[in-house]
């Protein structure tokens, strides 16, 4: 009776993936490797260099903080250090706030 509608029959299942599905993970693994070498590894190296620089700070070093304050180290503690930023003006900052150590003699006004 159905003139316009044809019968729909189930088709056979498609063949299995010959690679076993592992090739689907390859792009994800490749992206992780690229991310590791381009972002994570350099950041870890930079953090290690900063930690070494901070642990090597000594009295008399001329430094710049994250806030842009330049000064001479007058006292080094475990977590804090004293910076002389002008004559008779000393501030206390965290050791981790030091961004760079300047060459000796850079700050001549102190």
Protein backbone atom coordinates (compact mmCIF):
# COMPACT_ATOMS: atom_id res chain seq x y z
CA UNK A 1 0.00 0.00 0.00
CA UNK A 2 2.82 2.42 0.66
CA UNK A 3 3.59 3.85 -2.70
CA UNK A 4 5.65 6.86 -1.64
CA UNK A 5 7.54 5.48 1.37
CA UNK A 6 10.16 2.82 0.86
CA UNK A 7 11.17 0.35 3.54
CA UNK A 8 14.23 1.26 5.64
CA UNK A 9 16.55 -1.60 6.42
CA UNK A 10 19.43 -1.53 8.92
CA UNK A 11 22.85 -1.38 7.40
CA UNK A 12 25.78 -3.51 8.47
CA UNK A 13 28.12 -2.00 11.08
CA UNK A 14 31.13 -0.18 9.71
CA UNK A 15 34.54 -1.82 10.07
CA UNK A 16 36.52 -1.08 13.21
CA UNK A 17 39.24 1.58 13.34
CA UNK A 18 42.42 -0.12 12.14
CA UNK A 19 44.62 2.08 14.38
CA UNK A 20 42.76 1.07 17.52
CA UNK A 21 41.81 4.64 18.46
CA UNK A 22 45.34 5.63 19.50
CA UNK A 23 45.70 8.04 16.61
CA UNK A 24 42.89 10.07 18.14
CA UNK A 25 45.12 10.80 21.13
CA UNK A 26 48.14 11.81 19.05
CA UNK A 27 47.07 15.47 18.54
CA UNK A 28 46.37 15.85 22.25
CA UNK A 29 49.76 14.42 23.20
CA UNK A 30 51.49 16.57 20.59
CA UNK A 31 49.78 19.73 21.91
CA UNK A 32 50.88 18.90 25.47
CA UNK A 33 54.49 18.42 24.34
CA UNK A 34 54.48 21.74 22.49
CA UNK A 35 52.90 23.47 25.51
CA UNK A 36 55.57 21.98 27.78
CA UNK A 37 58.50 23.19 25.69
CA UNK A 38 57.08 26.61 24.80
CA UNK A 39 55.44 27.67 28.08
CA UNK A 40 55.95 25.48 31.14
CA UNK A 41 59.66 24.67 30.87
CA UNK A 42 60.85 28.28 30.27
CA UNK A 43 58.69 29.50 33.16
CA UNK A 44 60.21 26.91 35.50
CA UNK A 45 63.71 27.91 34.36
CA UNK A 46 62.95 31.60 34.96
CA UNK A 47 61.58 30.85 38.45
CA UNK A 48 64.70 28.87 39.32
CA UNK A 49 66.97 31.73 38.16
CA UNK A 50 64.94 34.23 40.24
CA UNK A 51 65.17 32.03 43.33
CA UNK A 52 68.95 31.76 42.89
CA UNK A 53 69.24 35.55 42.47
CA UNK A 54 67.16 36.24 45.59
CA UNK A 55 69.13 33.78 47.70
CA UNK A 56 72.40 35.43 46.61
CA UNK A 57 71.37 38.95 47.74
CA UNK A 58 73.81 40.56 50.12
CA UNK A 59 74.29 43.85 51.94
CA UNK A 60 75.39 46.57 49.51
CA UNK A 61 73.69 45.12 46.40
CA UNK A 62 71.76 47.61 44.31
CA UNK A 63 68.36 46.26 43.28
CA UNK A 64 65.06 47.17 41.63
CA UNK A 65 61.74 45.91 43.04
CA UNK A 66 58.58 44.92 41.21
CA UNK A 67 57.14 48.34 41.97
CA UNK A 68 60.07 50.05 40.28
CA UNK A 69 61.79 51.21 43.46
CA UNK A 70 65.56 51.22 43.15
CA UNK A 71 67.70 51.07 46.24
CA UNK A 72 70.69 49.62 48.06
CA UNK A 73 70.27 46.60 50.35
CA UNK A 74 71.18 47.45 53.94
CA UNK A 75 69.96 44.30 55.72
CA UNK A 76 68.95 40.85 54.46
CA UNK A 77 66.59 38.61 56.43
CA UNK A 78 64.90 35.29 55.73
CA UNK A 79 61.79 36.77 54.11
CA UNK A 80 62.41 40.54 54.11
CA UNK A 81 65.20 42.95 53.31
CA UNK A 82 65.80 46.62 54.04
CA UNK A 83 66.36 48.96 51.11
CA UNK A 84 67.89 52.40 51.42
CA UNK A 85 66.14 54.41 48.71
CA UNK A 86 67.49 57.84 49.71
CA UNK A 87 69.71 59.29 52.41
CA UNK A 88 68.32 58.11 55.76
CA UNK A 89 65.21 56.63 54.07
CA UNK A 90 64.91 52.87 54.48
CA UNK A 91 61.99 50.66 53.51
CA UNK A 92 61.28 46.98 54.16
CA UNK A 93 60.32 44.79 51.19
CA UNK A 94 59.89 41.07 50.65
CA UNK A 95 62.83 39.25 49.13
CA UNK A 96 60.63 37.97 46.31
CA UNK A 97 59.78 41.54 45.29
CA UNK A 98 63.29 42.05 43.93
CA UNK A 99 63.22 41.85 40.13
CA UNK A 100 66.81 42.53 39.22
CA UNK A 101 70.21 43.24 40.71
CA UNK A 102 71.88 46.29 39.22
CA UNK A 103 75.60 46.57 38.52
CA UNK A 104 77.61 48.12 41.35
CA UNK A 105 77.75 51.91 41.18
CA UNK A 106 74.48 52.34 39.28
CA UNK A 107 72.87 54.27 42.13
CA UNK A 108 75.29 57.11 42.83
CA UNK A 109 72.85 59.39 44.66
CA UNK A 110 72.58 57.22 47.76
